[in-house]
Amino acid sequence: MQSREKTLAEAMKKTKNCRLLQRYQTIKLYLEGYQVREIAKIIERTSETVNHYVYLYISGGLKSLELKKPTGRPSFLTSEQKEKLTLVITEKTPEDVGFPAEMNWTAPLVSEFIFQQFQVRYSNRGALRLLKELGFSCTIYLGKCRSR
């Protein structure tokens, strides 16, 4: 067995990702001499997909077939805006920046502050996600303690 087929066989044994395994199987079939249309029929994908996998393999080897982590939607705030927000939350109270007297920052307050400062709308849930991304943790207020 040639070294590239051996490397491919080892990669196929190691992977636990079904999508990556299918990419490896595509290349295996290609190296065995199957035509792109035949491979597409076998793996139940389009010829364009098979061609794409083959192109990736030829141009970058097995490493290029690995799945990339989805990037997701870009942030609404720039890194500079996030730094400013972090600075304000850590060093000032809501009252210091013009909100009614509150002891702590809440998601609605953060959302409103972001809108006032950067003209960007965040839902309360979005503000919570942003706070988590910035390294903050939230606490849930359960009301005043009652003594028995």
C-alpha atoms as a PDB file:
ATOM      1  CA  MET A   1       0.000   0.000   0.000  1.00  0.00           C
ATOM      2  CA  GLN A   2       1.397   3.424  -0.910  1.00  0.00           C
ATOM      3  CA  SER A   3       2.073   5.941   1.829  1.00  0.00           C
ATOM      4  CA  ARG A   4      -0.821   8.267   0.961  1.00  0.00           C
ATOM      5  CA  GLU A   5      -3.338   5.397   0.974  1.00  0.00           C
ATOM      6  CA  LYS A   6      -1.852   4.177   4.258  1.00  0.00           C
ATOM      7  CA  THR A   7      -2.103   7.656   5.779  1.00  0.00           C
ATOM      8  CA  LEU A   8      -5.689   7.918   4.544  1.00  0.00           C
ATOM      9  CA  ALA A   9      -6.600   4.505   6.014  1.00  0.00           C
ATOM     10  CA  GLU A  10      -5.129   5.519   9.384  1.00  0.00           C
ATOM     11  CA  ALA A  11      -7.051   8.801   9.355  1.00  0.00           C
ATOM     12  CA  MET A  12     -10.267   6.936   8.526  1.00  0.00           C
ATOM     13  CA  LYS A  13      -9.749   4.597  11.492  1.00  0.00           C
ATOM     14  CA  LYS A  14      -8.994   7.445  13.896  1.00  0.00           C
ATOM     15  CA  THR A  15     -11.828   9.841  13.099  1.00  0.00           C
ATOM     16  CA  LYS A  16     -15.098   9.755  14.986  1.00  0.00           C
ATOM     17  CA  ASN A  17     -16.629  12.543  12.913  1.00  0.00           C
ATOM     18  CA  CYS A  18     -19.062  11.125  10.310  1.00  0.00           C
ATOM     19  CA  ARG A  19     -18.769  14.117   7.990  1.00  0.00           C
ATOM     20  CA  LEU A  20     -14.980  13.951   7.988  1.00  0.00           C
ATOM     21  CA  LEU A  21     -15.118  10.188   7.421  1.00  0.00           C
ATOM     22  CA  GLN A  22     -17.281  10.776   4.355  1.00  0.00           C
ATOM     23  CA  ARG A  23     -14.691  13.197   3.012  1.00  0.00           C
ATOM     24  CA  TYR A  24     -11.978  10.606   3.564  1.00  0.00           C
ATOM     25  CA  GLN A  25     -14.107   7.942   1.852  1.00  0.00           C
ATOM     26  CA  THR A  26     -14.542  10.271  -1.112  1.00  0.00           C
ATOM     27  CA  ILE A  27     -10.778  10.600  -1.466  1.00  0.00           C
ATOM     28  CA  LYS A  28     -10.307   6.856  -1.048  1.00  0.00           C
ATOM     29  CA  LEU A  29     -12.690   6.208  -3.913  1.00  0.00           C
ATOM     30  CA  TYR A  30     -10.998   8.895  -5.995  1.00  0.00           C
ATOM     31  CA  LEU A  31      -7.562   7.337  -5.408  1.00  0.00           C
ATOM     32  CA  GLU A  32      -8.984   3.929  -6.362  1.00  0.00           C
ATOM     33  CA  GLY A  33      -9.870   5.369  -9.758  1.00  0.00           C
ATOM     34  CA  TYR A  34     -13.595   5.981  -9.477  1.00  0.00           C
ATOM     35  CA  GLN A  35     -15.025   8.807 -11.589  1.00  0.00           C
ATOM     36  CA  VAL A  36     -16.464  11.872  -9.868  1.00  0.00           C
ATOM     37  CA  ARG A  37     -20.032  11.018 -10.972  1.00  0.00           C
ATOM     38  CA  GLU A  38     -19.710   7.494  -9.568  1.00  0.00           C
ATOM     39  CA  ILE A  39     -18.372   8.786  -6.263  1.00  0.00           C
ATOM     40  CA  ALA A  40     -21.188  11.343  -6.049  1.00  0.00           C
ATOM     41  CA  LYS A  41     -23.742   8.581  -6.535  1.00  0.00           C
ATOM     42  CA  ILE A  42     -22.079   6.334  -3.931  1.00  0.00           C
ATOM     43  CA  ILE A  43     -21.820   8.991  -1.207  1.00  0.00           C
ATOM     44  CA  GLU A  44     -25.111  10.646  -2.195  1.00  0.00           C
ATOM     45  CA  ARG A  45     -23.631  14.091  -2.750  1.00  0.00           C
ATOM     46  CA  THR A  46     -23.380  16.302  -5.816  1.00  0.00           C
ATOM     47  CA  SER A  47     -20.505  16.125  -8.267  1.00  0.00           C
ATOM     48  CA  GLU A  48     -19.611  19.673  -7.218  1.00  0.00           C
ATOM     49  CA  THR A  49     -19.173  18.526  -3.610  1.00  0.00           C
ATOM     50  CA  VAL A  50     -16.978  15.605  -4.684  1.00  0.00           C
ATOM     51  CA  ASN A  51     -14.907  17.928  -6.873  1.00  0.00           C
ATOM     52  CA  HIS A  52     -14.534  20.305  -3.931  1.00  0.00           C
ATOM     53  CA  TYR A  53     -13.270  17.518  -1.629  1.00  0.00           C
ATOM     54  CA  VAL A  54     -10.833  16.331  -4.311  1.00  0.00           C
ATOM     55  CA  TYR A  55      -9.611  19.893  -4.878  1.00  0.00           C
ATOM     56  CA  LEU A  56      -9.054  20.377  -1.138  1.00  0.00           C
ATOM     57  CA  TYR A  57      -7.133  17.107  -0.937  1.00  0.00           C
ATOM     58  CA  ILE A  58      -4.937  17.832  -3.968  1.00  0.00           C
ATOM     59  CA  SER A  59      -4.150  21.370  -2.863  1.00  0.00           C
ATOM     60  CA  GLY A  60      -3.606  20.725   0.861  1.00  0.00           C
ATOM     61  CA  GLY A  61      -3.650  17.031   1.713  1.00  0.00           C
ATOM     62  CA  LEU A  62      -5.766  15.372   4.394  1.00  0.00           C
ATOM     63  CA  LYS A  63      -5.394  18.350   6.725  1.00  0.00           C
ATOM     64  CA  SER A  64      -7.371  20.535   4.317  1.00  0.00           C
ATOM     65  CA  LEU A  65     -10.346  18.144   4.485  1.00  0.00           C
ATOM     66  CA  GLU A  66     -10.796  18.750   8.215  1.00  0.00           C
ATOM     67  CA  LEU A  67     -13.933  20.625   9.157  1.00  0.00           C
ATOM     68  CA  LYS A  68     -13.521  24.202  10.288  1.00  0.00           C
ATOM     69  CA  LYS A  69     -15.418  25.495  13.272  1.00  0.00           C
ATOM     70  CA  PRO A  70     -18.316  27.659  12.073  1.00  0.00           C
ATOM     71  CA  THR A  71     -17.554  31.305  12.719  1.00  0.00           C
ATOM     72  CA  GLY A  72     -21.113  32.358  13.420  1.00  0.00           C
ATOM     73  CA  ARG A  73     -22.524  35.803  13.060  1.00  0.00           C
ATOM     74  CA  PRO A  74     -20.044  38.659  13.501  1.00  0.00           C
ATOM     75  CA  SER A  75     -20.336  40.659  16.693  1.00  0.00           C
ATOM     76  CA  PHE A  76     -22.370  43.846  16.643  1.00  0.00           C
ATOM     77  CA  LEU A  77     -19.682  45.612  18.681  1.00  0.00           C
ATOM     78  CA  THR A  78     -16.067  46.236  17.733  1.00  0.00           C
ATOM     79  CA  SER A  79     -13.277  45.132  20.057  1.00  0.00           C
ATOM     80  CA  GLU A  80     -12.767  48.750  21.119  1.00  0.00           C
ATOM     81  CA  GLN A  81     -16.445  49.052  22.031  1.00  0.00           C
ATOM     82  CA  LYS A  82     -16.260  45.783  23.980  1.00  0.00           C
ATOM     83  CA  GLU A  83     -13.218  47.091  25.870  1.00  0.00           C
ATOM     84  CA  LYS A  84     -15.058  50.308  26.735  1.00  0.00           C
ATOM     85  CA  LEU A  85     -18.106  48.331  27.881  1.00  0.00           C
ATOM     86  CA  THR A  86     -15.941  46.068  30.055  1.00  0.00           C
ATOM     87  CA  LEU A  87     -14.233  49.092  31.594  1.00  0.00           C
ATOM     88  CA  VAL A  88     -17.545  50.799  32.385  1.00  0.00           C
ATOM     89  CA  ILE A  89     -19.104  47.664  33.904  1.00  0.00           C
ATOM     90  CA  THR A  90     -16.083  46.896  36.077  1.00  0.00           C
ATOM     91  CA  GLU A  91     -15.340  50.420  37.242  1.00  0.00           C
ATOM     92  CA  LYS A  92     -18.689  52.208  37.388  1.00  0.00           C
ATOM     93  CA  THR A  93     -22.148  51.600  38.751  1.00  0.00           C
ATOM     94  CA  PRO A  94     -25.245  52.104  36.642  1.00  0.00           C
ATOM     95  CA  GLU A  95     -25.922  55.286  38.628  1.00  0.00           C
ATOM     96  CA  ASP A  96     -22.472  56.670  37.657  1.00  0.00           C
ATOM     97  CA  VAL A  97     -23.458  56.573  33.985  1.00  0.00           C
ATOM     98  CA  GLY A  98     -26.885  58.133  34.371  1.00  0.00           C
ATOM     99  CA  PHE A  99     -29.276  55.287  35.192  1.00  0.00           C
ATOM    100  CA  PRO A 100     -31.581  55.315  38.207  1.00  0.00           C
ATOM    101  CA  ALA A 101     -29.926  54.048  41.376  1.00  0.00           C
ATOM    102  CA  GLU A 102     -29.239  50.348  40.918  1.00  0.00           C
ATOM    103  CA  MET A 103     -26.828  48.252  42.889  1.00  0.00           C
ATOM    104  CA  ASN A 104     -25.629  46.083  40.008  1.00  0.00           C
ATOM    105  CA  TRP A 105     -25.590  45.919  36.272  1.00  0.00           C
ATOM    106  CA  THR A 106     -28.454  43.901  34.840  1.00  0.00           C
ATOM    107  CA  ALA A 107     -28.944  42.625  31.289  1.00  0.00           C
ATOM    108  CA  PRO A 108     -31.610  45.275  30.538  1.00  0.00           C
ATOM    109  CA  LEU A 109     -29.314  48.029  31.840  1.00  0.00           C
ATOM    110  CA  VAL A 110     -26.363  46.740  29.810  1.00  0.00           C
ATOM    111  CA  SER A 111     -28.575  46.513  26.752  1.00  0.00           C
ATOM    112  CA  GLU A 112     -29.762  50.099  27.232  1.00  0.00           C
ATOM    113  CA  PHE A 113     -26.227  51.358  27.896  1.00  0.00           C
ATOM    114  CA  ILE A 114     -24.993  49.717  24.676  1.00  0.00           C
ATOM    115  CA  PHE A 115     -27.790  51.403  22.738  1.00  0.00           C
ATOM    116  CA  GLN A 116     -27.087  54.817  24.275  1.00  0.00           C
ATOM    117  CA  GLN A 117     -23.328  54.597  23.718  1.00  0.00           C
ATOM    118  CA  PHE A 118     -23.031  52.700  20.426  1.00  0.00           C
ATOM    119  CA  GLN A 119     -26.523  52.874  18.830  1.00  0.00           C
ATOM    120  CA  VAL A 120     -26.662  49.063  18.683  1.00  0.00           C
ATOM    121  CA  ARG A 121     -29.709  47.134  19.903  1.00  0.00           C
ATOM    122  CA  TYR A 122     -29.211  44.028  22.028  1.00  0.00           C
ATOM    123  CA  SER A 123     -31.972  41.909  23.492  1.00  0.00           C
ATOM    124  CA  ASN A 124     -31.658  41.016  27.167  1.00  0.00           C
ATOM    125  CA  ARG A 125     -30.605  37.503  26.185  1.00  0.00           C
ATOM    126  CA  GLY A 126     -28.096  38.923  23.693  1.00  0.00           C
ATOM    127  CA  ALA A 127     -26.682  41.188  26.408  1.00  0.00           C
ATOM    128  CA  LEU A 128     -26.287  38.159  28.685  1.00  0.00           C
ATOM    129  CA  ARG A 129     -24.416  36.267  25.947  1.00  0.00           C
ATOM    130  CA  LEU A 130     -22.169  39.265  25.379  1.00  0.00           C
ATOM    131  CA  LEU A 131     -21.445  39.571  29.097  1.00  0.00           C
ATOM    132  CA  LYS A 132     -20.532  35.887  29.236  1.00  0.00           C
ATOM    133  CA  GLU A 133     -18.254  36.338  26.210  1.00  0.00           C
ATOM    134  CA  LEU A 134     -16.548  39.230  28.015  1.00  0.00           C
ATOM    135  CA  GLY A 135     -15.911  37.020  31.043  1.00  0.00           C
ATOM    136  CA  PHE A 136     -18.684  38.184  33.336  1.00  0.00           C
ATOM    137  CA  SER A 137     -20.964  35.820  35.205  1.00  0.00           C
ATOM    138  CA  CYS A 138     -24.535  36.516  36.163  1.00  0.00           C
ATOM    139  CA  THR A 139     -26.366  35.944  39.384  1.00  0.00           C
ATOM    140  CA  ILE A 140     -30.078  35.508  39.667  1.00  0.00           C
ATOM    141  CA  TYR A 141     -31.807  37.576  42.312  1.00  0.00           C
ATOM    142  CA  LEU A 142     -34.171  35.407  44.297  1.00  0.00           C
ATOM    143  CA  GLY A 143     -35.572  38.090  46.568  1.00  0.00           C
ATOM    144  CA  LYS A 144     -34.781  39.041  50.130  1.00  0.00           C
ATOM    145  CA  CYS A 145     -33.983  36.331  52.614  1.00  0.00           C
ATOM    146  CA  ARG A 146     -36.638  35.813  55.207  1.00  0.00           C
ATOM    147  CA  SER A 147     -35.707  34.759  58.674  1.00  0.00           C
ATOM    148  CA  ARG A 148     -37.885  32.218  60.393  1.00  0.00           C
END
